[in-house]
Amino acid sequence: MNEQSSSKTKLNIFNRFITSWHSRCGTEEDGDGKKKVMEQIGEACVNYGFFQIENHGIPLGLLSSAMDLYKTFFACSDEDKLLVSPKPGSSIPAGYLKSPQNSAEKNEHFVFLPPSSGFNVYPNNLPHLKQVLEEMISRFTKLGMLLESIISECLGLPPNTLAKFNDDRSWDFLIGLHYFPATEAENNGKSAHEDGNCITFVYQDEVGGLQVHKDGQWIPIAPSKDKLVVNIGDIIQVLSNNKFKSATHRVVRQRGKSRYSYAFFYNLQGDKWVEPLPQFTEEIGESPKYRGFLFKEYAQLRVKNRTHPPTRPEDLIHITHYSISN
C-alpha cells in the first residue's frame, strides 16, 4: 500500500468514529444503541483521542450565529479589538489577545469565561455577542458533563467518579480563533500540541485545517457544519494512567484564506490535585506513570508557552513534564 492510500485508509478509520450518541444515549430503552456508541467512543479515546459527534443538542443556528459574530469581531480595527483586552487578575485571560510577534503561530483570539467570573469584557459594537456566548457556555457545559459521564463509564469507573472529581466549572472557557492566511514562507496556525484540559469541543468553518497526528502521519479533519470535533485532553490521560489518549494535533493555514473556529475547554478548577486514579494504579497493581500536580500549576506553564514562547520547540512544556520513568 502506498503512502497516499495508507493515509486515506487511516482517515476512513478515523471518520468511522463519527457518532450519533446524544439522541440514542438519552433513552434507556435503546440499550444496544448506547452500547455501540460507548464502544465507538471508548475505541476512539484509546486509539485516537479524537472523534466527531452529531445530534449533540446544540442548535445549528446558535453555532452559526456564534461563528458569524466571531468573524464580525475579528474584522474590527485593531484599536477596537484592543479595547477588550484582558483585565488583570484572572487565572485565564479573558478578552482579546494576538499571538506574540516572535511566536511561530499566527492567530488572534477572544476568550470568554463563565459569566460568574467577573472578568469577561465585551465589545460595544456587538451588543448581541454577550447573550450568544453566554448561551454557548451554558450549552457546552451541559454537553461536557454528559460526555464526561460517558467517558467515565467507558473507563469502567464507578458511577459519577469523574463528575465528583470535577465538580467546579469556574475554569471552563470558550475561545474564538482567527487564523491569518498563509504566506509563501510559512503556514503554521497552531503548532503541534496536546490540550492540557479534560475535554475540548471544536467547531471549525469550511476552510478546515485541523489535523491529528497518528502513526507518523497528519490526518485532516474535514469541517462539517452540523458536527463537533471532540478531543481528550492531558488530564483524562493522566487520570486514566495513559489508558485514554491525549492526541497531538495542529492547525495548518491555507494560502489566501482566513480560517475561523471556536473551542470550548472543559477544565478542572485550578486547586484540584491531579494524579492517576487508584483504579488504574494500585487497585490493579500498576505503577503511576505521572507524579501528582496542581492543575493551576500546569495551566500556568501552558499559558507561558503561548505568551513567552521559548526559542527552542523542545523547551515547550507538555504533560511529559510530570512523567515518571519506571
C-alpha atoms as a PDB file:
ATOM      1  CA  MET A   1       0.000   0.000   0.000  1.00  0.00           C
ATOM      2  CA  ASN A   2       1.480   3.368  -1.000  1.00  0.00           C
ATOM      3  CA  GLU A   3       1.670   6.312   1.420  1.00  0.00           C
ATOM      4  CA  GLN A   4      -1.338   8.126  -0.108  1.00  0.00           C
ATOM      5  CA  SER A   5      -3.556   5.030   0.095  1.00  0.00           C
ATOM      6  CA  SER A   6      -2.393   4.343   3.646  1.00  0.00           C
ATOM      7  CA  SER A   7      -3.253   7.897   4.690  1.00  0.00           C
ATOM      8  CA  LYS A   8      -6.691   7.603   3.091  1.00  0.00           C
ATOM      9  CA  THR A   9      -7.329   4.328   4.901  1.00  0.00           C
ATOM     10  CA  LYS A  10      -6.388   5.880   8.229  1.00  0.00           C
ATOM     11  CA  LEU A  11      -8.695   8.813   7.503  1.00  0.00           C
ATOM     12  CA  ASN A  12     -11.573   6.425   6.812  1.00  0.00           C
ATOM     13  CA  ILE A  13     -10.834   4.624  10.064  1.00  0.00           C
ATOM     14  CA  PHE A  14     -10.885   7.942  11.911  1.00  0.00           C
ATOM     15  CA  ASN A  15     -14.160   9.000  10.330  1.00  0.00           C
ATOM     16  CA  ARG A  16     -15.702   5.734  11.457  1.00  0.00           C
ATOM     17  CA  PHE A  17     -15.951   7.347  14.886  1.00  0.00           C
ATOM     18  CA  ILE A  18     -18.443   9.985  13.752  1.00  0.00           C
ATOM     19  CA  THR A  19     -21.236   9.030  16.105  1.00  0.00           C
ATOM     20  CA  SER A  20     -24.805   9.981  16.818  1.00  0.00           C
ATOM     21  CA  TRP A  21     -24.778   9.271  20.519  1.00  0.00           C
ATOM     22  CA  HIS A  22     -26.689  12.185  22.023  1.00  0.00           C
ATOM     23  CA  SER A  23     -30.184  11.198  20.946  1.00  0.00           C
ATOM     24  CA  ARG A  24     -29.555   7.458  21.279  1.00  0.00           C
ATOM     25  CA  CYS A  25     -27.946   7.546  24.715  1.00  0.00           C
ATOM     26  CA  GLY A  26     -30.749   9.683  26.083  1.00  0.00           C
ATOM     27  CA  THR A  27     -33.208   6.784  26.073  1.00  0.00           C
ATOM     28  CA  GLU A  28     -32.767   3.822  28.388  1.00  0.00           C
ATOM     29  CA  GLU A  29     -34.699   1.505  26.093  1.00  0.00           C
ATOM     30  CA  ASP A  30     -32.089   1.772  23.353  1.00  0.00           C
ATOM     31  CA  GLY A  31     -29.525  -0.319  25.221  1.00  0.00           C
ATOM     32  CA  ASP A  32     -27.936  -1.754  22.068  1.00  0.00           C
ATOM     33  CA  GLY A  33     -27.504   1.726  20.574  1.00  0.00           C
ATOM     34  CA  LYS A  34     -25.924   3.027  23.753  1.00  0.00           C
ATOM     35  CA  LYS A  35     -23.574   0.040  23.955  1.00  0.00           C
ATOM     36  CA  LYS A  36     -22.448   0.535  20.361  1.00  0.00           C
ATOM     37  CA  VAL A  37     -21.788   4.246  20.879  1.00  0.00           C
ATOM     38  CA  MET A  38     -19.902   3.536  24.104  1.00  0.00           C
ATOM     39  CA  GLU A  39     -17.706   1.049  22.266  1.00  0.00           C
ATOM     40  CA  GLN A  40     -17.018   3.551  19.470  1.00  0.00           C
ATOM     41  CA  ILE A  41     -16.138   6.375  21.831  1.00  0.00           C
ATOM     42  CA  GLY A  42     -14.004   4.112  24.014  1.00  0.00           C
ATOM     43  CA  GLU A  43     -12.087   2.818  20.997  1.00  0.00           C
ATOM     44  CA  ALA A  44     -11.616   6.344  19.672  1.00  0.00           C
ATOM     45  CA  CYS A  45     -10.273   7.528  23.054  1.00  0.00           C
ATOM     46  CA  VAL A  46      -7.796   4.634  23.198  1.00  0.00           C
ATOM     47  CA  ASN A  47      -6.519   4.861  19.614  1.00  0.00           C
ATOM     48  CA  TYR A  48      -7.005   8.470  18.538  1.00  0.00           C
ATOM     49  CA  GLY A  49      -8.062  10.753  21.363  1.00  0.00           C
ATOM     50  CA  PHE A  50     -10.325  12.414  18.756  1.00  0.00           C
ATOM     51  CA  PHE A  51     -13.795  11.798  17.346  1.00  0.00           C
ATOM     52  CA  GLN A  52     -16.738  13.768  15.959  1.00  0.00           C
ATOM     53  CA  ILE A  53     -20.316  13.921  17.191  1.00  0.00           C
ATOM     54  CA  GLU A  54     -23.611  14.867  15.589  1.00  0.00           C
ATOM     55  CA  ASN A  55     -27.045  15.249  17.219  1.00  0.00           C
ATOM     56  CA  HIS A  56     -25.135  16.910  20.053  1.00  0.00           C
ATOM     57  CA  GLY A  57     -28.030  19.033  21.242  1.00  0.00           C
ATOM     58  CA  ILE A  58     -26.592  22.461  20.402  1.00  0.00           C
ATOM     59  CA  PRO A  59     -28.827  24.197  17.818  1.00  0.00           C
ATOM     60  CA  LEU A  60     -27.082  24.618  14.480  1.00  0.00           C
ATOM     61  CA  GLY A  61     -28.433  28.156  14.280  1.00  0.00           C
ATOM     62  CA  LEU A  62     -26.645  29.016  17.523  1.00  0.00           C
ATOM     63  CA  LEU A  63     -23.389  27.509  16.258  1.00  0.00           C
ATOM     64  CA  SER A  64     -23.673  29.568  13.061  1.00  0.00           C
ATOM     65  CA  SER A  65     -24.591  32.767  14.919  1.00  0.00           C
ATOM     66  CA  ALA A  66     -21.560  32.448  17.169  1.00  0.00           C
ATOM     67  CA  MET A  67     -19.298  31.896  14.152  1.00  0.00           C
ATOM     68  CA  ASP A  68     -20.716  34.948  12.365  1.00  0.00           C
ATOM     69  CA  LEU A  69     -20.243  37.125  15.459  1.00  0.00           C
ATOM     70  CA  TYR A  70     -16.646  35.995  15.861  1.00  0.00           C
ATOM     71  CA  LYS A  71     -15.947  36.830  12.211  1.00  0.00           C
ATOM     72  CA  THR A  72     -17.504  40.273  12.669  1.00  0.00           C
ATOM     73  CA  PHE A  73     -15.445  40.912  15.801  1.00  0.00           C
ATOM     74  CA  PHE A  74     -12.149  39.888  14.202  1.00  0.00           C
ATOM     75  CA  ALA A  75     -12.917  42.151  11.218  1.00  0.00           C
ATOM     76  CA  CYS A  76     -12.899  45.182  13.553  1.00  0.00           C
ATOM     77  CA  SER A  77      -9.933  47.527  13.692  1.00  0.00           C
ATOM     78  CA  ASP A  78      -7.016  46.691  15.968  1.00  0.00           C
ATOM     79  CA  GLU A  79      -7.910  49.736  18.043  1.00  0.00           C
ATOM     80  CA  ASP A  80     -11.444  48.452  18.666  1.00  0.00           C
ATOM     81  CA  LYS A  81     -10.248  44.937  19.472  1.00  0.00           C
ATOM     82  CA  LEU A  82      -7.673  46.212  21.948  1.00  0.00           C
ATOM     83  CA  LEU A  83     -10.472  47.931  23.865  1.00  0.00           C
ATOM     84  CA  VAL A  84     -11.491  44.465  25.064  1.00  0.00           C
ATOM     85  CA  SER A  85      -8.045  43.409  26.258  1.00  0.00           C
ATOM     86  CA  PRO A  86      -7.988  41.166  29.352  1.00  0.00           C
ATOM     87  CA  LYS A  87      -8.453  42.607  32.832  1.00  0.00           C
ATOM     88  CA  PRO A  88      -5.602  41.896  35.241  1.00  0.00           C
ATOM     89  CA  GLY A  89      -6.040  39.249  37.924  1.00  0.00           C
ATOM     90  CA  SER A  90      -7.757  36.443  36.053  1.00  0.00           C
ATOM     91  CA  SER A  91      -6.157  32.989  36.004  1.00  0.00           C
ATOM     92  CA  ILE A  92      -7.312  32.655  32.390  1.00  0.00           C
ATOM     93  CA  PRO A  93      -7.019  35.963  30.474  1.00  0.00           C
ATOM     94  CA  ALA A  94     -10.487  36.822  29.146  1.00  0.00           C
ATOM     95  CA  GLY A  95     -10.828  39.107  26.142  1.00  0.00           C
ATOM     96  CA  TYR A  96      -8.805  39.787  23.011  1.00  0.00           C
ATOM     97  CA  LEU A  97      -5.238  38.601  22.501  1.00  0.00           C
ATOM     98  CA  LYS A  98      -2.962  38.227  19.498  1.00  0.00           C
ATOM     99  CA  SER A  99      -0.060  35.826  19.107  1.00  0.00           C
ATOM    100  CA  PRO A 100       3.259  37.495  20.030  1.00  0.00           C
ATOM    101  CA  GLN A 101       5.362  38.737  17.147  1.00  0.00           C
ATOM    102  CA  ASN A 102       8.042  36.112  17.801  1.00  0.00           C
ATOM    103  CA  SER A 103       5.528  33.258  18.004  1.00  0.00           C
ATOM    104  CA  ALA A 104       5.512  30.554  15.352  1.00  0.00           C
ATOM    105  CA  GLU A 105       1.693  30.667  15.493  1.00  0.00           C
ATOM    106  CA  LYS A 106      -0.170  33.322  13.525  1.00  0.00           C
ATOM    107  CA  ASN A 107      -3.605  33.856  15.035  1.00  0.00           C
ATOM    108  CA  GLU A 108      -5.719  36.115  17.195  1.00  0.00           C
ATOM    109  CA  HIS A 109      -8.338  35.011  19.675  1.00  0.00           C
ATOM    110  CA  PHE A 110     -11.114  36.086  22.011  1.00  0.00           C
ATOM    111  CA  VAL A 111     -11.563  34.253  25.333  1.00  0.00           C
ATOM    112  CA  PHE A 112     -14.875  34.129  27.201  1.00  0.00           C
ATOM    113  CA  LEU A 113     -15.198  32.742  30.735  1.00  0.00           C
ATOM    114  CA  PRO A 114     -18.304  31.606  32.648  1.00  0.00           C
ATOM    115  CA  PRO A 115     -20.412  34.751  33.294  1.00  0.00           C
ATOM    116  CA  SER A 116     -19.960  34.452  37.060  1.00  0.00           C
ATOM    117  CA  SER A 117     -16.195  35.000  36.744  1.00  0.00           C
ATOM    118  CA  GLY A 118     -16.472  38.796  36.623  1.00  0.00           C
ATOM    119  CA  PHE A 119     -13.547  39.039  34.199  1.00  0.00           C
ATOM    120  CA  ASN A 120     -15.335  38.988  30.852  1.00  0.00           C
ATOM    121  CA  VAL A 121     -15.101  42.047  28.600  1.00  0.00           C
ATOM    122  CA  TYR A 122     -17.471  42.846  25.751  1.00  0.00           C
ATOM    123  CA  PRO A 123     -17.110  44.910  22.555  1.00  0.00           C
ATOM    124  CA  ASN A 124     -19.527  47.846  22.496  1.00  0.00           C
ATOM    125  CA  ASN A 125     -20.221  47.471  18.773  1.00  0.00           C
ATOM    126  CA  LEU A 126     -21.533  43.883  19.088  1.00  0.00           C
ATOM    127  CA  PRO A 127     -24.345  44.049  21.668  1.00  0.00           C
ATOM    128  CA  HIS A 128     -25.590  40.515  20.872  1.00  0.00           C
ATOM    129  CA  LEU A 129     -22.207  38.845  21.447  1.00  0.00           C
ATOM    130  CA  LYS A 130     -22.624  38.620  25.236  1.00  0.00           C
ATOM    131  CA  GLN A 131     -26.003  36.867  25.001  1.00  0.00           C
ATOM    132  CA  VAL A 132     -24.842  34.396  22.348  1.00  0.00           C
ATOM    133  CA  LEU A 133     -21.607  33.484  24.129  1.00  0.00           C
ATOM    134  CA  GLU A 134     -23.379  33.032  27.461  1.00  0.00           C
ATOM    135  CA  GLU A 135     -25.806  30.651  25.743  1.00  0.00           C
ATOM    136  CA  MET A 136     -22.879  28.826  24.132  1.00  0.00           C
ATOM    137  CA  ILE A 137     -21.131  28.436  27.504  1.00  0.00           C
ATOM    138  CA  SER A 138     -24.321  27.020  29.023  1.00  0.00           C
ATOM    139  CA  ARG A 139     -24.877  24.548  26.185  1.00  0.00           C
ATOM    140  CA  PHE A 140     -21.256  23.394  26.042  1.00  0.00           C
ATOM    141  CA  THR A 141     -21.157  22.960  29.820  1.00  0.00           C
ATOM    142  CA  LYS A 142     -24.113  20.570  29.719  1.00  0.00           C
ATOM    143  CA  LEU A 143     -22.555  18.717  26.786  1.00  0.00           C
ATOM    144  CA  GLY A 144     -19.251  18.458  28.641  1.00  0.00           C
ATOM    145  CA  MET A 145     -20.941  16.982  31.694  1.00  0.00           C
ATOM    146  CA  LEU A 146     -22.745  14.430  29.545  1.00  0.00           C
ATOM    147  CA  LEU A 147     -19.616  13.380  27.675  1.00  0.00           C
ATOM    148  CA  GLU A 148     -17.645  13.255  30.916  1.00  0.00           C
ATOM    149  CA  SER A 149     -20.164  10.724  32.266  1.00  0.00           C
ATOM    150  CA  ILE A 150     -19.820   8.658  29.076  1.00  0.00           C
ATOM    151  CA  ILE A 151     -16.010   8.720  29.298  1.00  0.00           C
ATOM    152  CA  SER A 152     -16.214   7.738  32.969  1.00  0.00           C
ATOM    153  CA  GLU A 153     -18.376   4.763  32.012  1.00  0.00           C
ATOM    154  CA  CYS A 154     -16.079   3.845  29.112  1.00  0.00           C
ATOM    155  CA  LEU A 155     -13.193   3.745  31.591  1.00  0.00           C
ATOM    156  CA  GLY A 156     -15.159   1.346  33.779  1.00  0.00           C
ATOM    157  CA  LEU A 157     -15.173   3.738  36.741  1.00  0.00           C
ATOM    158  CA  PRO A 158     -17.861   3.686  39.437  1.00  0.00           C
ATOM    159  CA  PRO A 159     -20.846   5.953  38.600  1.00  0.00           C
ATOM    160  CA  ASN A 160     -20.182   9.703  38.872  1.00  0.00           C
ATOM    161  CA  THR A 161     -16.458   9.231  39.607  1.00  0.00           C
ATOM    162  CA  LEU A 162     -15.328  11.953  37.181  1.00  0.00           C
ATOM    163  CA  ALA A 163     -18.336  14.160  37.969  1.00  0.00           C
ATOM    164  CA  LYS A 164     -17.438  14.175  41.683  1.00  0.00           C
ATOM    165  CA  PHE A 165     -13.769  14.749  40.921  1.00  0.00           C
ATOM    166  CA  ASN A 166     -14.512  17.609  38.527  1.00  0.00           C
ATOM    167  CA  ASP A 167     -17.465  19.418  40.112  1.00  0.00           C
ATOM    168  CA  ASP A 168     -16.377  23.050  39.661  1.00  0.00           C
ATOM    169  CA  ARG A 169     -16.963  24.769  36.320  1.00  0.00           C
ATOM    170  CA  SER A 170     -15.249  28.089  37.106  1.00  0.00           C
ATOM    171  CA  TRP A 171     -12.171  27.359  34.955  1.00  0.00           C
ATOM    172  CA  ASP A 172     -14.028  26.400  31.774  1.00  0.00           C
ATOM    173  CA  PHE A 173     -13.720  28.794  28.853  1.00  0.00           C
ATOM    174  CA  LEU A 174     -14.794  29.409  25.268  1.00  0.00           C
ATOM    175  CA  ILE A 175     -12.290  30.736  22.749  1.00  0.00           C
ATOM    176  CA  GLY A 176     -12.904  32.124  19.271  1.00  0.00           C
ATOM    177  CA  LEU A 177      -9.936  31.992  16.881  1.00  0.00           C
ATOM    178  CA  HIS A 178      -8.951  33.730  13.659  1.00  0.00           C
ATOM    179  CA  TYR A 179      -6.006  32.286  11.744  1.00  0.00           C
ATOM    180  CA  PHE A 180      -4.438  34.628   9.196  1.00  0.00           C
ATOM    181  CA  PRO A 181      -3.882  33.428   5.597  1.00  0.00           C
ATOM    182  CA  ALA A 182      -0.677  31.514   4.990  1.00  0.00           C
ATOM    183  CA  THR A 183       2.258  33.096   3.200  1.00  0.00           C
ATOM    184  CA  GLU A 184       4.815  31.625   0.836  1.00  0.00           C
ATOM    185  CA  ALA A 185       7.231  31.335   3.757  1.00  0.00           C
ATOM    186  CA  GLU A 186       5.031  29.676   6.405  1.00  0.00           C
ATOM    187  CA  ASN A 187       1.593  28.197   7.068  1.00  0.00           C
ATOM    188  CA  ASN A 188       1.595  27.391  10.786  1.00  0.00           C
ATOM    189  CA  GLY A 189      -1.622  28.313  12.559  1.00  0.00           C
ATOM    190  CA  LYS A 190      -1.290  26.277  15.735  1.00  0.00           C
ATOM    191  CA  SER A 191       1.828  24.242  16.361  1.00  0.00           C
ATOM    192  CA  ALA A 192       1.641  20.536  17.149  1.00  0.00           C
ATOM    193  CA  HIS A 193       0.385  20.166  20.721  1.00  0.00           C
ATOM    194  CA  GLU A 194      -1.915  18.286  23.090  1.00  0.00           C
ATOM    195  CA  ASP A 195      -4.660  20.045  25.038  1.00  0.00           C
ATOM    196  CA  GLY A 196      -3.941  20.465  28.738  1.00  0.00           C
ATOM    197  CA  ASN A 197      -7.544  20.154  29.950  1.00  0.00           C
ATOM    198  CA  CYS A 198     -10.149  17.364  30.290  1.00  0.00           C
ATOM    199  CA  ILE A 199     -12.256  17.575  27.107  1.00  0.00           C
ATOM    200  CA  THR A 200     -12.251  20.017  24.175  1.00  0.00           C
ATOM    201  CA  PHE A 201     -15.086  20.694  21.724  1.00  0.00           C
ATOM    202  CA  VAL A 202     -14.198  22.372  18.415  1.00  0.00           C
ATOM    203  CA  TYR A 203     -16.363  23.913  15.699  1.00  0.00           C
ATOM    204  CA  GLN A 204     -14.468  24.975  12.566  1.00  0.00           C
ATOM    205  CA  ASP A 205     -15.534  26.836   9.439  1.00  0.00           C
ATOM    206  CA  GLU A 206     -15.462  25.429   5.917  1.00  0.00           C
ATOM    207  CA  VAL A 207     -11.751  26.254   5.442  1.00  0.00           C
ATOM    208  CA  GLY A 208     -10.681  23.453   7.771  1.00  0.00           C
ATOM    209  CA  GLY A 209      -7.022  22.992   8.651  1.00  0.00           C
ATOM    210  CA  LEU A 210      -7.299  20.917  11.834  1.00  0.00           C
ATOM    211  CA  GLN A 211      -5.108  17.810  11.683  1.00  0.00           C
ATOM    212  CA  VAL A 212      -4.478  14.872  14.053  1.00  0.00           C
ATOM    213  CA  HIS A 213      -1.163  13.025  14.276  1.00  0.00           C
ATOM    214  CA  LYS A 214      -1.490   9.256  14.039  1.00  0.00           C
ATOM    215  CA  ASP A 215       1.091   6.606  13.118  1.00  0.00           C
ATOM    216  CA  GLY A 216       3.572   9.171  11.858  1.00  0.00           C
ATOM    217  CA  GLN A 217       1.077  10.961   9.589  1.00  0.00           C
ATOM    218  CA  TRP A 218      -1.120  14.035   9.846  1.00  0.00           C
ATOM    219  CA  ILE A 219      -4.801  13.222   9.247  1.00  0.00           C
ATOM    220  CA  PRO A 220      -7.003  16.198   8.252  1.00  0.00           C
ATOM    221  CA  ILE A 221     -10.379  16.516   9.975  1.00  0.00           C
ATOM    222  CA  ALA A 222     -12.912  17.625   7.387  1.00  0.00           C
ATOM    223  CA  PRO A 223     -15.095  20.503   8.613  1.00  0.00           C
ATOM    224  CA  SER A 224     -18.824  19.930   8.980  1.00  0.00           C
ATOM    225  CA  LYS A 225     -21.498  22.495   9.784  1.00  0.00           C
ATOM    226  CA  ASP A 226     -23.521  20.031  11.889  1.00  0.00           C
ATOM    227  CA  LYS A 227     -20.774  18.151  13.759  1.00  0.00           C
ATOM    228  CA  LEU A 228     -18.478  18.980  16.650  1.00  0.00           C
ATOM    229  CA  VAL A 229     -14.936  17.692  16.924  1.00  0.00           C
ATOM    230  CA  VAL A 230     -14.138  16.282  20.365  1.00  0.00           C
ATOM    231  CA  ASN A 231     -10.714  15.519  21.766  1.00  0.00           C
ATOM    232  CA  ILE A 232      -9.453  14.142  25.042  1.00  0.00           C
ATOM    233  CA  GLY A 233      -7.015  16.317  26.988  1.00  0.00           C
ATOM    234  CA  ASP A 234      -3.987  15.656  29.168  1.00  0.00           C
ATOM    235  CA  ILE A 235      -5.984  15.450  32.404  1.00  0.00           C
ATOM    236  CA  ILE A 236      -8.014  12.458  31.211  1.00  0.00           C
ATOM    237  CA  GLN A 237      -4.789  10.844  30.026  1.00  0.00           C
ATOM    238  CA  VAL A 238      -3.195  11.315  33.455  1.00  0.00           C
ATOM    239  CA  LEU A 239      -6.267  10.215  35.444  1.00  0.00           C
ATOM    240  CA  SER A 240      -6.541   7.055  33.316  1.00  0.00           C
ATOM    241  CA  ASN A 241      -2.763   6.450  33.602  1.00  0.00           C
ATOM    242  CA  ASN A 242      -2.435   6.541  29.802  1.00  0.00           C
ATOM    243  CA  LYS A 243      -5.425   4.274  29.096  1.00  0.00           C
ATOM    244  CA  PHE A 244      -7.051   7.116  27.142  1.00  0.00           C
ATOM    245  CA  LYS A 245      -5.032   9.233  24.754  1.00  0.00           C
ATOM    246  CA  SER A 246      -4.496  12.990  24.598  1.00  0.00           C
ATOM    247  CA  ALA A 247      -3.782  13.249  20.890  1.00  0.00           C
ATOM    248  CA  THR A 248      -1.264  15.508  19.196  1.00  0.00           C
ATOM    249  CA  HIS A 249      -2.919  17.921  16.759  1.00  0.00           C
ATOM    250  CA  ARG A 250      -2.202  21.129  14.883  1.00  0.00           C
ATOM    251  CA  VAL A 251      -3.779  23.755  12.605  1.00  0.00           C
ATOM    252  CA  VAL A 252      -2.392  24.437   9.127  1.00  0.00           C
ATOM    253  CA  ARG A 253      -3.319  27.701   7.402  1.00  0.00           C
ATOM    254  CA  GLN A 254      -4.254  27.992   3.727  1.00  0.00           C
ATOM    255  CA  ARG A 255      -2.949  30.487   1.205  1.00  0.00           C
ATOM    256  CA  GLY A 256      -5.362  33.333   0.511  1.00  0.00           C
ATOM    257  CA  LYS A 257      -7.927  32.276   3.153  1.00  0.00           C
ATOM    258  CA  SER A 258      -8.556  33.183   6.761  1.00  0.00           C
ATOM    259  CA  ARG A 259      -9.634  30.331   8.991  1.00  0.00           C
ATOM    260  CA  TYR A 260     -12.131  30.718  11.839  1.00  0.00           C
ATOM    261  CA  SER A 261     -13.020  28.305  14.604  1.00  0.00           C
ATOM    262  CA  TYR A 262     -14.019  28.235  18.235  1.00  0.00           C
ATOM    263  CA  ALA A 263     -13.421  25.766  21.023  1.00  0.00           C
ATOM    264  CA  PHE A 264     -14.860  25.062  24.451  1.00  0.00           C
ATOM    265  CA  PHE A 265     -12.384  23.836  27.060  1.00  0.00           C
ATOM    266  CA  TYR A 266     -13.975  21.671  29.749  1.00  0.00           C
ATOM    267  CA  ASN A 267     -11.456  22.157  32.528  1.00  0.00           C
ATOM    268  CA  LEU A 268     -10.650  21.492  36.166  1.00  0.00           C
ATOM    269  CA  GLN A 269     -10.729  24.004  38.997  1.00  0.00           C
ATOM    270  CA  GLY A 270      -7.211  25.341  39.498  1.00  0.00           C
ATOM    271  CA  ASP A 271      -6.613  23.979  43.013  1.00  0.00           C
ATOM    272  CA  LYS A 272      -7.510  20.412  42.037  1.00  0.00           C
ATOM    273  CA  TRP A 273      -4.750  17.861  42.637  1.00  0.00           C
ATOM    274  CA  VAL A 274      -4.195  15.644  39.581  1.00  0.00           C
ATOM    275  CA  GLU A 275      -2.661  12.168  39.590  1.00  0.00           C
ATOM    276  CA  PRO A 276      -3.534   8.757  38.133  1.00  0.00           C
ATOM    277  CA  LEU A 277      -6.665   7.357  39.757  1.00  0.00           C
ATOM    278  CA  PRO A 278      -6.206   4.332  42.054  1.00  0.00           C
ATOM    279  CA  GLN A 279      -8.486   2.284  39.760  1.00  0.00           C
ATOM    280  CA  PHE A 280      -5.669   2.380  37.166  1.00  0.00           C
ATOM    281  CA  THR A 281      -2.707   2.035  39.524  1.00  0.00           C
ATOM    282  CA  GLU A 282      -2.701   0.457  42.990  1.00  0.00           C
ATOM    283  CA  GLU A 283      -6.016  -1.389  42.560  1.00  0.00           C
ATOM    284  CA  ILE A 284      -4.671  -3.282  39.526  1.00  0.00           C
ATOM    285  CA  GLY A 285      -1.021  -3.436  40.542  1.00  0.00           C
ATOM    286  CA  GLU A 286       0.301  -0.900  38.028  1.00  0.00           C
ATOM    287  CA  SER A 287       2.766   1.890  38.749  1.00  0.00           C
ATOM    288  CA  PRO A 288       1.631   5.503  38.186  1.00  0.00           C
ATOM    289  CA  LYS A 289       3.066   6.996  35.028  1.00  0.00           C
ATOM    290  CA  TYR A 290       2.787  10.594  36.328  1.00  0.00           C
ATOM    291  CA  ARG A 291       3.612  12.371  39.552  1.00  0.00           C
ATOM    292  CA  GLY A 292       0.839  14.475  41.063  1.00  0.00           C
ATOM    293  CA  PHE A 293       0.451  18.202  40.431  1.00  0.00           C
ATOM    294  CA  LEU A 294      -1.942  21.107  40.915  1.00  0.00           C
ATOM    295  CA  PHE A 295      -3.925  21.830  37.793  1.00  0.00           C
ATOM    296  CA  LYS A 296      -3.259  25.585  38.010  1.00  0.00           C
ATOM    297  CA  GLU A 297       0.486  24.881  38.081  1.00  0.00           C
ATOM    298  CA  TYR A 298       0.271  23.046  34.763  1.00  0.00           C
ATOM    299  CA  ALA A 299      -2.179  25.583  33.303  1.00  0.00           C
ATOM    300  CA  GLN A 300       0.224  28.439  34.106  1.00  0.00           C
ATOM    301  CA  LEU A 301       3.095  26.635  32.421  1.00  0.00           C
ATOM    302  CA  ARG A 302       0.953  26.107  29.333  1.00  0.00           C
ATOM    303  CA  VAL A 303      -0.063  29.788  29.242  1.00  0.00           C
ATOM    304  CA  LYS A 304       3.620  30.741  29.446  1.00  0.00           C
ATOM    305  CA  ASN A 305       4.223  28.572  26.373  1.00  0.00           C
ATOM    306  CA  ARG A 306       1.944  30.936  24.446  1.00  0.00           C
ATOM    307  CA  THR A 307       2.776  34.319  25.973  1.00  0.00           C
ATOM    308  CA  HIS A 308       6.551  33.770  26.186  1.00  0.00           C
ATOM    309  CA  PRO A 309       7.329  31.041  23.667  1.00  0.00           C
ATOM    310  CA  PRO A 310      10.802  29.542  24.148  1.00  0.00           C
ATOM    311  CA  THR A 311      13.338  29.857  21.366  1.00  0.00           C
ATOM    312  CA  ARG A 312      13.608  26.068  21.106  1.00  0.00           C
ATOM    313  CA  PRO A 313      10.453  23.998  20.477  1.00  0.00           C
ATOM    314  CA  GLU A 314      11.802  21.220  22.699  1.00  0.00           C
ATOM    315  CA  ASP A 315      11.572  23.602  25.678  1.00  0.00           C
ATOM    316  CA  LEU A 316       7.785  23.824  25.435  1.00  0.00           C
ATOM    317  CA  ILE A 317       6.019  22.305  28.457  1.00  0.00           C
ATOM    318  CA  HIS A 318       3.940  19.168  27.820  1.00  0.00           C
ATOM    319  CA  ILE A 319       2.357  16.668  30.190  1.00  0.00           C
ATOM    320  CA  THR A 320       5.602  14.689  29.930  1.00  0.00           C
ATOM    321  CA  HIS A 321       6.940  17.316  32.366  1.00  0.00           C
ATOM    322  CA  TYR A 322       5.257  15.200  35.075  1.00  0.00           C
ATOM    323  CA  SER A 323       6.101  11.769  33.659  1.00  0.00           C
ATOM    324  CA  ILE A 324       7.648   9.124  35.907  1.00  0.00           C
ATOM    325  CA  SER A 325      10.338   6.885  34.436  1.00  0.00           C
ATOM    326  CA  ASN A 326       9.614   3.366  35.626  1.00  0.00           C
END
